[in-house]
Amino acid sequence: MTRFVIATVCAALAWSQSLDARDLPLAELFETVDPAVVEIATIQEVIADEGPTKRTRAGGLGSGFLISEDGLIMTASHVVQLAEDVAVRWVTGEVSKAKIVSTNPNADVAIIRAEKVPESIKPLVLADSDQVRIGDEVFIIGAPRTYAHSLTVGHVSARRVPKDLFGGIEPVELLQTDAAINEGNSGGPMFNMNGEVIGVVSHILSQSGGSEGLGFVVTSNLARTEMLEKRPFWSGIDGFQLTEGWAKIFNLPQGAGILVEQVAAGSASARIGLQPGSFRAEIEGQNLTVGGDIILAIQGIPVGAENFGSKVEQATTELAEEDFLELKVLRSGRIISLSKPIGELR
């Protein structure tokens, strides 16, 4: 990230309203922060139902929020990770094309950049989520089921660090809330009662498919660290971690691997040459897309190694632009190597 972008983000984080947000009733507080919340529409390629290799395009919807005056928007990784086209709709009704800047599927946070920001819209403030207490009042703004700029209110129910939520690579800190979250809220902001963002909406636990009071958001501190202080890129991959019995089912030469199910066109995974699956299959009750590559190692670090995620992150962070990112991959029963300069993947 350039110094200009960092400076812009820092300015956004320091921005404050002319009125003391703590003195505003919720209705006025909503009016103050709502303009910075956006709808995100995506198009991605999927395997069609008619045949194993036939592909089609499908749309998706999520939410996000402006964090810098030059168009950086934070959202959930799963909203944009596989997208080939992204657009954002502002509260003014204006629509801007957007590009994916970086994603972190493990933390479920991402950054996109809108080509144009309406002049009247100001970025939101990322608060210190460590100061959040269980029982604090919160509110969420997003586009549940396409109903844009919807407000829901609740409380912080708990702090969670589920190890297996996003594939079990590394634990991720989440805030649990009873504020209503539904499909389309993903990526939207959760606010404290000062109108500051304390989390990025991630997912719900539900038997009905709708809100049942078990919503989860990625903390603002984690989102800031992963997206603004580090240098991630858009991997554009959807995969399934193969461990123990799964490794035997797929006849892996080692104890674990990552099955590449989907790869977004234009992403780092596509540019390095990873091939996605082309057949849908149900194995042991798990729906998978098979027939693609299986990643065995990244930078010589075997998948399944202790602290695999943090070791890979450290190894890739230390790479200069001309240094190569290297993958060991199982493809059609053969082990091959894929590599590309890291500068060409960012």
Foldseek 3Di string as FASTA:
>chain_A
DDPVVLVQLVVLQVDDDPDQLLPDDPVVLLVVALQQKKKKKFKAKDFDPPDLFHIDIDMAIAMWGFRGPQFKIKFFCVRPLQGPWMWIAGPVRDIFTKAWFFHDLVQRMGIIGTNDDPPVDGGAHADDLVPFDFFFKKKWAWQAVNNHGDIWIWTFHDWDFDQPPRQNLGTAIKTWIQTWDAGRHGTTFMGGSSSHGQWGWHDADDPVRTRPRTTITGGSVVNCCVYPVARGGRQSWDWHKQADPSCVVVVPPDGIWIQTADGHPPALNVVQPWFHARGWDADPNDTTRDQTKIWQDKPPHGPVPVSRVVVNRVVVRPADQQDKTKTWIQHPNDTDMTIDRVVVRD
